[in-house]
Amino acid sequence: MLKSNFVVILRTLTREEFNSFVEFVPWALHQEPSKREEAVKLLDILIGYFPEFNHPSLTSKKIFKKMFPDKDYVDLKIDKIMGSLTKCLRMHFLTLRYLEPKNEFDHLLEICQFHKEKGLSARYQQSFRQLENHFSQNHPHSLDQTYKNYQIEYERLDWQSMANDHKTDINLANTVLALQRFADVNMFDLLIRYALQLKFVKLEIPAQVHSKIQTLFNQSEVFPDPLYQTYHAIFKIFYAPKVTHRDFGTCLTLIRANEKVFDYDTLYTLHVTLRNLCIILINQGDRDLKYTLFELQKQSIESGFQFYKGKISTSSFISVVINALEVKEIEWTHDFIEAHKDLIIGETTDKIYFRFCWAQYLYHHGQYEQALDFIPQNLKEITYILAARRLEIKAFYEYDFEVSVFKAEAFRTYVSRLPNYNFPKETMNYNMNFARFIIQIQQMPVGVKERAYRVIERIAERQYVSDREWLYEKARLRGNLEPEEVETIVQQTPVLEEQFEEKEGK
């Protein structure tokens, strides 16, 4: 069977795209009659094998025989024809993409520059007015808009430079300000992403990046527009010494206040940022925000901000499922999984992400043995591996206590090696504290309230603990405490700063 890049790309095309390409080839090769004839012949053969192109008869030798029945086989001849078709395919889809309506701004800018190069002053002025009108009418506040605004100001500068009478600044000041706004807003966006990445990976911030962060953080003067002010405020939240519940409220207020002036992509990005900020605070022990996060996720699903081009990322899918189960929305979770299980970006052939989430659902539904059957063993991402192991311990705790003791000890040993994965201390504490406290709960005598009280207090004083509510509940049940007693202990216990203790397990 053919195994060229050309065939690999063909397999991704719809019937409409493939037919469009077939019609394009004769035009693209009109100046090379021999190449055009050979390319058309090959396409005539391939049309019959759409869309898989994996029939045993699709070999270079058999195709050559069909195309040139009276000639001896020439090695690499079919490969050369496919090389020409690959160039046509690239030209065809680049052209189609460029001509899409969403690129109309670029089309108008190109026309302006064409008229300018040809010295057509009146035509240039007319086309530039069209460009300005299009921009003002079709571009809500967005990261992309800041760049287009800079392009307009630079184009105006370039035009005025051609007839510089040294009486004005030829639009230099406006161009500088537009460039600064474009650079700063996009810098804020990237540095917010960087701050989130630092929550999951231990990274050494380069000196120049650190200096830039400090400069922007201390910057007091801001551009008077909603996009700049929103991104600047969120950037400062993420690089403050400590993120608080109040910061979350500020972030939420800013985004909601500007929803009508931001474009979809900007709102999508900001909603992702908002949900991540919420998760950070939940991981720090802010229990009430789980319900806020659930409402945010529901709203994002309904408005489309939980999806990218109609599909949902693995992390978003898993986050929605886990948090919905945490707030006891069991049947809602079931419906969500069923409705979106075929829309997961990056799902594997054996459905490991669906199985992981379905195991979570089964566990919260009280079907512990079935949950253990669904937990995938071949997850690659260390974050999901840790989550799967914690779920396994919890399921065995409910189903087979003796096995859970063995699993918890093995998990503690595994977590003690996390520094080898270059994780930040928050992630290591998050998992080591779970291992530490589940072992303490397993060792507790049933009915000894004082022991349960001490364990709950220790959990509450830790800033990062995975499955905190579950640990509280198991300690409460073993100590025969009332829910109100647990709540009182938690509220009265101050949260302590902590460092990752690699060998800690006492």
Protein backbone atom coordinates (compact mmCIF):
# COMPACT_ATOMS: atom_id res chain seq x y z
CA MET A 1 0.00 0.00 0.00
CA LEU A 2 1.06 3.59 -0.59
CA LYS A 3 2.71 5.16 2.44
CA SER A 4 3.51 8.69 1.34
CA ASN A 5 2.75 11.99 3.10
CA PHE A 6 0.39 12.77 0.23
CA VAL A 7 -1.83 9.78 1.00
CA VAL A 8 -1.69 10.49 4.74
CA ILE A 9 -3.10 13.99 4.07
CA LEU A 10 -5.74 12.65 1.65
CA ARG A 11 -7.12 10.43 4.43
CA THR A 12 -7.96 13.54 6.47
CA LEU A 13 -10.07 15.16 3.71
CA THR A 14 -13.82 15.16 3.42
CA ARG A 15 -15.39 14.13 0.12
CA GLU A 16 -16.10 17.80 -0.67
CA GLU A 17 -12.48 18.80 0.02
CA PHE A 18 -11.14 15.91 -2.04
CA ASN A 19 -13.37 16.74 -5.03
CA SER A 20 -12.36 20.40 -4.80
CA PHE A 21 -8.71 19.40 -4.90
CA VAL A 22 -9.24 17.12 -7.92
CA GLU A 23 -10.79 20.05 -9.82
CA PHE A 24 -7.90 22.34 -8.81
CA VAL A 25 -5.03 20.15 -10.06
CA PRO A 26 -5.45 20.71 -13.86
CA TRP A 27 -5.45 24.48 -13.32
CA ALA A 28 -2.41 24.37 -11.00
CA LEU A 29 -0.37 22.36 -13.54
CA HIS A 30 -1.67 24.06 -16.70
CA GLN A 31 1.85 25.23 -17.64
CA GLU A 32 3.27 21.70 -17.41
CA PRO A 33 1.13 19.49 -19.70
CA SER A 34 3.04 16.26 -19.08
CA LYS A 35 2.89 16.63 -15.30
CA ARG A 36 -0.79 17.61 -15.52
CA GLU A 37 -1.67 14.51 -17.53
CA GLU A 38 0.15 12.17 -15.15
CA ALA A 39 -1.33 13.83 -12.05
CA VAL A 40 -4.88 13.60 -13.43
CA LYS A 41 -4.38 9.91 -14.28
CA LEU A 42 -3.17 9.15 -10.76
CA LEU A 43 -6.08 11.03 -9.21
CA ASP A 44 -8.53 9.14 -11.43
CA ILE A 45 -7.20 5.94 -9.90
CA LEU A 46 -7.18 7.23 -6.32
CA ILE A 47 -10.77 8.50 -6.50
CA GLY A 48 -12.00 4.91 -6.40
CA TYR A 49 -10.26 4.25 -3.08
CA PHE A 50 -11.54 7.27 -1.12
CA PRO A 51 -11.48 7.74 1.87
CA GLU A 52 -9.19 5.01 3.32
CA PHE A 53 -6.70 4.56 0.44
CA ASN A 54 -5.49 1.30 1.97
CA HIS A 55 -6.48 -1.34 -0.62
CA PRO A 56 -3.83 -4.02 -1.35
CA SER A 57 -3.82 -2.98 -5.03
CA LEU A 58 -2.60 0.52 -4.08
CA THR A 59 1.09 -0.14 -4.57
CA SER A 60 3.53 1.80 -6.73
CA LYS A 61 4.01 -1.09 -9.15
CA LYS A 62 0.30 -1.80 -9.65
CA ILE A 63 -0.54 1.89 -10.07
CA PHE A 64 2.32 2.30 -12.55
CA LYS A 65 0.97 -0.62 -14.58
CA LYS A 66 -2.49 1.02 -14.74
CA MET A 67 -1.09 4.39 -15.73
CA PHE A 68 1.56 3.20 -18.19
CA PRO A 69 0.49 -0.25 -19.43
CA ASP A 70 3.00 -0.29 -22.30
CA LYS A 71 6.06 0.79 -20.31
CA ASP A 72 8.52 -0.96 -18.03
CA TYR A 73 8.31 -0.11 -14.34
CA VAL A 74 10.34 2.94 -13.33
CA ASP A 75 11.28 3.12 -9.68
CA LEU A 76 10.11 6.28 -7.82
CA LYS A 77 8.03 7.46 -10.82
CA ILE A 78 4.79 7.31 -8.81
CA ASP A 79 6.53 9.01 -5.89
CA LYS A 80 7.52 11.93 -8.15
CA ILE A 81 3.95 12.33 -9.39
CA MET A 82 2.71 12.33 -5.81
CA GLY A 83 5.36 14.95 -5.02
CA SER A 84 3.81 17.24 -7.66
CA LEU A 85 0.35 16.54 -6.25
CA THR A 86 1.56 17.36 -2.75
CA LYS A 87 2.69 20.82 -3.95
CA CYS A 88 -0.73 21.31 -5.58
CA LEU A 89 -2.48 20.20 -2.42
CA ARG A 90 -0.49 22.68 -0.32
CA MET A 91 -1.17 25.51 -2.79
CA HIS A 92 -4.87 24.66 -2.94
CA PHE A 93 -5.52 24.67 0.79
CA LEU A 94 -3.30 27.64 1.54
CA THR A 95 -5.30 29.59 -1.04
CA LEU A 96 -8.62 28.42 0.37
CA ARG A 97 -7.58 29.30 3.91
CA TYR A 98 -6.35 32.74 2.90
CA LEU A 99 -9.58 33.50 1.06
CA GLU A 100 -11.79 32.61 4.03
CA PRO A 101 -14.06 35.51 5.14
CA LYS A 102 -12.31 35.68 8.52
CA ASN A 103 -9.19 36.91 6.70
CA GLU A 104 -10.93 39.85 5.01
CA PHE A 105 -8.86 42.35 7.00
CA ASP A 106 -5.69 40.88 5.49
CA HIS A 107 -7.22 41.02 2.01
CA LEU A 108 -8.04 44.73 2.40
CA LEU A 109 -4.58 45.47 3.79
CA GLU A 110 -2.96 43.69 0.83
CA ILE A 111 -5.05 45.78 -1.58
CA CYS A 112 -3.94 48.98 0.17
CA GLN A 113 -0.31 47.98 -0.12
CA PHE A 114 -0.76 47.02 -3.78
CA HIS A 115 -2.24 50.46 -4.61
CA LYS A 116 0.54 52.14 -2.64
CA GLU A 117 3.28 50.24 -4.49
CA LYS A 118 1.70 51.17 -7.83
CA GLY A 119 1.49 54.85 -6.88
CA LEU A 120 -2.31 54.92 -7.16
CA SER A 121 -2.93 57.61 -4.54
CA ALA A 122 -6.70 58.02 -4.96
CA ARG A 123 -7.25 54.26 -5.06
CA TYR A 124 -5.05 53.85 -1.99
CA GLN A 125 -7.03 56.41 0.03
CA GLN A 126 -10.27 54.69 -0.92
CA SER A 127 -9.03 51.21 -0.03
CA PHE A 128 -7.55 52.48 3.27
CA ARG A 129 -10.94 53.93 4.25
CA GLN A 130 -12.47 50.52 3.50
CA LEU A 131 -9.84 48.93 5.73
CA GLU A 132 -10.60 51.33 8.60
CA ASN A 133 -14.36 50.82 8.25
CA HIS A 134 -14.00 47.05 8.24
CA PHE A 135 -11.81 47.16 11.33
CA SER A 136 -14.12 49.43 13.32
CA GLN A 137 -17.23 47.40 12.45
CA ASN A 138 -15.94 43.84 12.69
CA HIS A 139 -13.35 43.67 15.43
CA PRO A 140 -14.46 43.53 19.08
CA HIS A 141 -11.80 43.75 21.78
CA SER A 142 -9.39 40.82 21.43
CA LEU A 143 -5.70 39.94 21.32
CA ASP A 144 -5.96 39.76 17.54
CA GLN A 145 -7.54 43.22 17.45
CA THR A 146 -4.50 44.77 19.15
CA TYR A 147 -2.28 43.50 16.34
CA LYS A 148 -4.63 44.67 13.60
CA ASN A 149 -4.81 48.10 15.23
CA TYR A 150 -1.01 48.25 15.15
CA GLN A 151 -1.02 47.22 11.47
CA ILE A 152 -3.42 50.07 10.62
CA GLU A 153 -1.33 52.64 12.48
CA TYR A 154 1.87 51.38 10.85
CA GLU A 155 0.25 51.48 7.41
CA ARG A 156 -0.82 55.07 8.05
CA LEU A 157 2.77 55.86 9.15
CA ASP A 158 4.23 54.22 6.05
CA TRP A 159 1.93 56.20 3.74
CA GLN A 160 2.67 59.53 5.42
CA SER A 161 6.41 58.79 5.35
CA MET A 162 6.30 58.77 1.55
CA ALA A 163 5.27 62.44 1.53
CA ASN A 164 7.05 63.63 4.68
CA ASP A 165 6.89 67.45 4.87
CA HIS A 166 8.54 67.48 8.34
CA LYS A 167 5.53 69.31 9.80
CA THR A 168 3.92 66.39 11.67
CA ASP A 169 5.10 63.27 13.47
CA ILE A 170 3.80 61.23 10.45
CA ASN A 171 1.78 59.09 12.91
CA LEU A 172 4.84 57.87 14.79
CA ALA A 173 3.38 58.47 18.26
CA ASN A 174 0.16 56.54 17.51
CA THR A 175 2.16 53.69 16.00
CA VAL A 176 4.40 53.46 19.07
CA LEU A 177 1.38 53.40 21.41
CA ALA A 178 -0.39 50.77 19.27
CA LEU A 179 2.75 48.61 19.30
CA GLN A 180 3.09 49.01 23.07
CA ARG A 181 -0.54 48.03 23.66
CA PHE A 182 -0.22 45.01 21.36
CA ALA A 183 3.02 43.91 23.05
CA ASP A 184 1.78 44.40 26.61
CA VAL A 185 -1.61 42.70 26.25
CA ASN A 186 -0.11 39.69 24.53
CA MET A 187 2.70 39.64 27.10
CA PHE A 188 0.09 39.57 29.89
CA ASP A 189 -1.65 36.66 28.18
CA LEU A 190 1.57 34.65 27.86
CA LEU A 191 2.71 35.39 31.40
CA ILE A 192 -0.67 34.34 32.82
CA ARG A 193 -0.23 31.02 31.02
CA TYR A 194 3.31 30.85 32.38
CA ALA A 195 2.04 31.40 35.94
CA LEU A 196 -0.42 28.52 35.51
CA GLN A 197 2.32 26.27 34.13
CA LEU A 198 4.45 27.04 37.19
CA LYS A 199 1.67 25.51 39.31
CA PHE A 200 2.25 22.13 37.66
CA VAL A 201 5.94 22.12 36.72
CA LYS A 202 8.93 23.26 38.74
CA LEU A 203 10.65 25.74 36.43
CA GLU A 204 13.57 28.10 36.81
CA ILE A 205 12.33 31.47 35.58
CA PRO A 206 14.94 33.04 33.25
CA ALA A 207 16.37 36.31 34.57
CA GLN A 208 15.07 38.36 31.64
CA VAL A 209 11.55 36.92 32.02
CA HIS A 210 11.64 37.55 35.77
CA SER A 211 12.71 41.15 35.14
CA LYS A 212 9.85 41.61 32.65
CA ILE A 213 7.36 40.21 35.17
CA GLN A 214 8.55 42.64 37.83
CA THR A 215 8.41 45.61 35.45
CA LEU A 216 4.86 44.86 34.35
CA PHE A 217 3.74 44.02 37.90
CA ASN A 218 4.95 47.38 39.19
CA GLN A 219 3.54 49.29 36.23
CA SER A 220 0.88 51.67 37.47
CA GLU A 221 -0.12 53.42 34.24
CA VAL A 222 -2.50 51.36 32.10
CA PHE A 223 -4.18 51.93 28.74
CA PRO A 224 -7.79 53.08 29.16
CA ASP A 225 -9.42 50.16 27.39
CA PRO A 226 -11.27 47.09 28.77
CA LEU A 227 -8.98 44.45 27.24
CA TYR A 228 -5.77 45.95 28.56
CA GLN A 229 -7.22 46.63 32.01
CA THR A 230 -8.68 43.13 32.32
CA TYR A 231 -5.51 41.33 31.30
CA HIS A 232 -3.35 43.63 33.42
CA ALA A 233 -5.47 43.02 36.53
CA ILE A 234 -5.54 39.22 36.03
CA PHE A 235 -1.78 39.19 35.43
CA LYS A 236 -1.22 41.00 38.75
CA ILE A 237 -3.50 38.50 40.53
CA PHE A 238 -1.46 35.54 39.31
CA TYR A 239 1.89 37.09 40.26
CA ALA A 240 0.80 38.38 43.66
CA PRO A 241 2.59 36.68 46.60
CA LYS A 242 -0.61 34.76 47.40
CA VAL A 243 -3.85 34.25 45.48
CA THR A 244 -6.99 34.77 47.57
CA HIS A 245 -10.73 34.22 47.33
CA ARG A 246 -11.08 37.97 46.87
CA ASP A 247 -8.77 37.79 43.83
CA PHE A 248 -11.12 35.24 42.30
CA GLY A 249 -14.04 37.61 42.80
CA THR A 250 -12.10 40.44 41.15
CA CYS A 251 -11.25 38.24 38.19
CA LEU A 252 -14.85 37.07 37.79
CA THR A 253 -16.20 40.63 38.00
CA LEU A 254 -13.76 41.92 35.36
CA ILE A 255 -14.61 39.19 32.87
CA ARG A 256 -18.37 39.45 33.33
CA ALA A 257 -18.29 43.25 33.11
CA ASN A 258 -16.69 43.05 29.64
CA GLU A 259 -18.40 40.00 28.11
CA LYS A 260 -20.27 42.16 25.59
CA VAL A 261 -17.15 43.84 24.19
CA PHE A 262 -14.77 40.84 23.98
CA ASP A 263 -14.74 38.38 21.07
CA TYR A 264 -15.34 34.63 21.46
CA ASP A 265 -11.67 33.57 21.50
CA THR A 266 -10.84 36.12 24.19
CA LEU A 267 -13.80 35.06 26.33
CA TYR A 268 -12.84 31.39 25.83
CA THR A 269 -9.30 32.10 27.05
CA LEU A 270 -10.47 34.19 29.99
CA HIS A 271 -13.00 31.57 31.07
CA VAL A 272 -10.26 28.93 31.05
CA THR A 273 -8.12 31.27 33.17
CA LEU A 274 -11.02 31.86 35.57
CA ARG A 275 -11.65 28.14 36.02
CA ASN A 276 -7.95 27.47 36.59
CA LEU A 277 -7.80 30.20 39.24
CA CYS A 278 -10.80 28.62 40.92
CA ILE A 279 -9.12 25.19 40.91
CA ILE A 280 -5.93 26.65 42.42
CA LEU A 281 -7.93 28.05 45.33
CA ILE A 282 -9.86 24.80 45.79
CA ASN A 283 -6.57 22.90 45.95
CA GLN A 284 -5.49 25.32 48.68
CA GLY A 285 -8.52 24.30 50.73
CA ASP A 286 -11.25 26.78 49.71
CA ARG A 287 -14.09 24.25 49.90
CA ASP A 288 -16.99 26.53 48.96
CA LEU A 289 -15.48 27.34 45.56
CA LYS A 290 -16.23 23.79 44.36
CA TYR A 291 -19.86 24.84 43.95
CA THR A 292 -18.82 28.07 42.24
CA LEU A 293 -16.58 26.09 39.88
CA PHE A 294 -19.42 23.72 39.05
CA GLU A 295 -21.69 26.63 38.14
CA LEU A 296 -18.90 28.18 36.03
CA GLN A 297 -18.34 24.90 34.22
CA LYS A 298 -22.05 24.48 33.54
CA GLN A 299 -22.26 28.02 32.18
CA SER A 300 -19.16 27.41 30.04
CA ILE A 301 -20.69 24.24 28.62
CA GLU A 302 -23.95 26.02 27.78
CA SER A 303 -22.18 29.03 26.22
CA GLY A 304 -19.54 26.93 24.43
CA PHE A 305 -16.55 28.27 26.37
CA GLN A 306 -15.72 24.77 27.63
CA PHE A 307 -15.10 23.62 24.05
CA TYR A 308 -12.59 24.25 21.30
CA LYS A 309 -13.98 23.92 17.77
CA GLY A 310 -16.80 21.72 19.02
CA LYS A 311 -14.56 19.40 21.04
CA ILE A 312 -13.37 19.34 24.61
CA SER A 313 -9.81 18.98 25.87
CA THR A 314 -8.83 16.04 28.03
CA SER A 315 -8.07 18.27 31.01
CA SER A 316 -11.41 20.12 30.73
CA PHE A 317 -13.38 16.89 30.41
CA ILE A 318 -11.72 15.33 33.46
CA SER A 319 -11.95 18.54 35.50
CA VAL A 320 -15.70 18.88 34.85
CA VAL A 321 -16.32 15.25 35.80
CA ILE A 322 -14.26 15.28 39.00
CA ASN A 323 -15.64 18.57 40.30
CA ALA A 324 -19.27 17.70 39.46
CA LEU A 325 -18.87 14.47 41.43
CA GLU A 326 -17.28 16.37 44.30
CA VAL A 327 -20.43 18.48 44.65
CA LYS A 328 -22.62 15.35 44.43
CA GLU A 329 -24.05 16.06 40.97
CA ILE A 330 -23.92 12.32 40.20
CA GLU A 331 -26.62 12.00 37.55
CA TRP A 332 -25.62 15.27 35.87
CA THR A 333 -22.11 13.80 35.57
CA HIS A 334 -23.50 10.63 34.01
CA ASP A 335 -25.34 12.66 31.36
CA PHE A 336 -22.30 14.86 30.72
CA ILE A 337 -19.98 11.87 30.18
CA GLU A 338 -22.44 10.16 27.85
CA ALA A 339 -23.02 13.34 25.81
CA HIS A 340 -19.34 14.24 25.39
CA LYS A 341 -17.36 10.99 25.51
CA ASP A 342 -16.83 11.05 21.73
CA LEU A 343 -15.69 14.69 21.69
CA ILE A 344 -12.52 14.34 23.79
CA ILE A 345 -9.47 15.83 22.08
CA GLY A 346 -6.62 13.32 22.14
CA GLU A 347 -8.72 10.32 23.22
CA THR A 348 -6.98 6.99 22.59
CA THR A 349 -8.36 3.98 20.73
CA ASP A 350 -8.92 2.14 24.01
CA LYS A 351 -10.75 5.18 25.50
CA ILE A 352 -8.51 5.61 28.54
CA TYR A 353 -9.81 9.10 29.43
CA PHE A 354 -13.43 8.04 29.15
CA ARG A 355 -12.66 4.96 31.28
CA PHE A 356 -10.88 7.08 33.88
CA CYS A 357 -13.89 9.40 34.17
CA TRP A 358 -16.37 6.52 34.10
CA ALA A 359 -14.44 4.89 36.96
CA GLN A 360 -14.81 8.15 38.91
CA TYR A 361 -18.56 8.11 38.25
CA LEU A 362 -18.94 4.46 39.29
CA TYR A 363 -17.01 5.11 42.50
CA HIS A 364 -19.24 8.04 43.47
CA HIS A 365 -22.27 5.91 42.55
CA GLY A 366 -21.15 3.33 45.13
CA GLN A 367 -20.11 0.72 42.56
CA TYR A 368 -16.59 0.24 43.91
CA GLU A 369 -15.74 -3.12 42.35
CA GLN A 370 -16.89 -1.98 38.91
CA ALA A 371 -14.91 1.26 39.32
CA LEU A 372 -11.72 -0.74 39.89
CA ASP A 373 -12.33 -2.60 36.62
CA PHE A 374 -12.53 0.68 34.69
CA ILE A 375 -9.44 2.45 36.07
CA PRO A 376 -6.96 2.52 33.15
CA GLN A 377 -3.43 1.30 33.84
CA ASN A 378 -1.81 2.90 30.78
CA LEU A 379 -2.27 6.61 31.48
CA LYS A 380 0.80 8.58 30.42
CA GLU A 381 0.34 11.96 32.10
CA ILE A 382 1.76 11.85 35.63
CA THR A 383 -1.06 14.04 36.98
CA TYR A 384 -3.67 11.53 35.79
CA ILE A 385 -1.57 8.58 36.96
CA LEU A 386 -1.57 10.04 40.47
CA ALA A 387 -5.31 10.72 40.32
CA ALA A 388 -5.97 7.15 39.14
CA ARG A 389 -3.89 5.72 41.99
CA ARG A 390 -5.73 7.83 44.54
CA LEU A 391 -9.05 6.65 43.12
CA GLU A 392 -7.84 3.05 43.32
CA ILE A 393 -6.94 3.47 47.01
CA LYS A 394 -10.35 5.02 47.77
CA ALA A 395 -12.21 2.26 45.92
CA PHE A 396 -10.25 -0.48 47.72
CA TYR A 397 -10.84 1.31 51.03
CA GLU A 398 -14.58 0.89 50.47
CA TYR A 399 -14.42 -2.56 48.84
CA ASP A 400 -11.39 -4.34 50.36
CA PHE A 401 -9.80 -2.54 53.33
CA GLU A 402 -6.78 -4.87 53.59
CA VAL A 403 -5.77 -4.25 49.99
CA SER A 404 -6.18 -0.49 50.46
CA VAL A 405 -3.54 -0.58 53.23
CA PHE A 406 -1.04 -2.16 50.83
CA LYS A 407 -2.00 0.27 48.03
CA ALA A 408 -1.61 3.30 50.30
CA GLU A 409 1.93 2.29 51.34
CA ALA A 410 2.87 1.72 47.70
CA PHE A 411 1.45 5.13 46.77
CA ARG A 412 3.47 6.86 49.49
CA THR A 413 6.65 5.26 48.13
CA TYR A 414 5.72 6.32 44.61
CA VAL A 415 5.03 9.91 45.67
CA SER A 416 8.32 10.12 47.54
CA ARG A 417 10.01 9.89 44.15
CA LEU A 418 8.06 12.78 42.65
CA PRO A 419 11.01 15.22 42.88
CA ASN A 420 12.50 13.19 40.01
CA TYR A 421 9.62 14.45 37.85
CA ASN A 422 10.47 18.11 38.49
CA PHE A 423 7.12 18.92 40.08
CA PRO A 424 6.58 22.05 42.19
CA LYS A 425 6.20 21.54 45.94
CA GLU A 426 2.44 22.21 45.78
CA THR A 427 1.85 19.15 43.57
CA MET A 428 4.12 16.98 45.71
CA ASN A 429 2.44 18.10 48.94
CA TYR A 430 -0.98 17.60 47.38
CA ASN A 431 -0.26 13.89 46.88
CA MET A 432 2.09 13.17 49.80
CA ASN A 433 -0.43 14.59 52.28
CA PHE A 434 -3.10 12.29 50.86
CA ALA A 435 -0.76 9.31 51.27
CA ARG A 436 0.18 10.40 54.78
CA PHE A 437 -3.38 10.89 56.02
CA ILE A 438 -4.98 7.84 54.45
CA ILE A 439 -2.35 5.72 56.19
CA GLN A 440 -3.07 7.48 59.51
CA ILE A 441 -6.80 6.88 59.05
CA GLN A 442 -6.23 3.21 58.24
CA GLN A 443 -4.22 2.87 61.46
CA MET A 444 -6.86 4.57 63.64
CA PRO A 445 -8.74 2.43 66.16
CA VAL A 446 -12.48 2.57 65.46
CA GLY A 447 -14.44 4.77 67.84
CA VAL A 448 -11.51 6.68 69.36
CA LYS A 449 -12.70 10.27 69.01
CA GLU A 450 -9.52 11.91 70.24
CA ARG A 451 -7.47 10.18 67.54
CA ALA A 452 -9.95 11.17 64.84
CA TYR A 453 -9.94 14.74 66.15
CA ARG A 454 -6.14 14.96 65.83
CA VAL A 455 -6.09 13.52 62.29
CA ILE A 456 -8.80 15.93 61.09
CA GLU A 457 -6.90 18.81 62.65
CA ARG A 458 -3.70 17.75 60.86
CA ILE A 459 -5.54 17.57 57.54
CA ALA A 460 -7.08 21.01 58.06
CA GLU A 461 -3.77 22.70 58.83
CA ARG A 462 -2.21 21.50 55.58
CA GLN A 463 -2.51 23.89 52.67
CA TYR A 464 -2.43 21.23 49.93
CA VAL A 465 -4.28 17.93 50.39
CA SER A 466 -5.85 15.87 47.64
CA ASP A 467 -9.34 14.46 48.30
CA ARG A 468 -9.53 16.52 51.49
CA GLU A 469 -13.31 16.12 51.95
CA TRP A 470 -13.08 12.35 51.51
CA LEU A 471 -10.32 12.14 54.14
CA TYR A 472 -12.40 14.23 56.56
CA GLU A 473 -15.34 11.89 56.07
CA LYS A 474 -13.34 8.68 56.57
CA ALA A 475 -11.67 10.04 59.71
CA ARG A 476 -15.08 11.16 61.01
CA LEU A 477 -16.62 7.71 60.46
CA ARG A 478 -13.76 5.83 62.13
CA GLY A 479 -13.90 8.17 65.11
CA ASN A 480 -17.72 8.23 65.30
CA LEU A 481 -17.80 12.02 65.14
CA GLU A 482 -20.76 14.14 64.06
CA PRO A 483 -20.45 16.26 60.87
CA GLU A 484 -20.82 19.41 62.96
CA GLU A 485 -17.78 18.41 65.03
CA VAL A 486 -15.67 18.07 61.89
CA GLU A 487 -16.80 21.48 60.66
CA THR A 488 -15.86 23.07 63.97
CA ILE A 489 -12.39 21.50 63.93
CA VAL A 490 -11.77 22.69 60.36
CA GLN A 491 -12.92 26.24 61.05
CA GLN A 492 -10.79 26.55 64.19
CA THR A 493 -7.59 25.14 62.69
CA PRO A 494 -5.17 27.66 61.11
CA VAL A 495 -3.55 26.68 57.81
CA LEU A 496 0.24 26.29 58.02
CA GLU A 497 2.89 26.82 55.36
CA GLU A 498 4.56 23.55 54.41
CA GLN A 499 7.52 22.13 52.54
CA PHE A 500 7.59 18.80 50.73
CA GLU A 501 9.03 16.14 53.05
CA GLU A 502 10.29 13.41 50.80
CA LYS A 503 10.59 10.68 53.42
CA GLU A 504 7.73 11.88 55.64
CA GLY A 505 5.20 9.20 56.43
CA LYS A 506 4.65 9.36 60.15
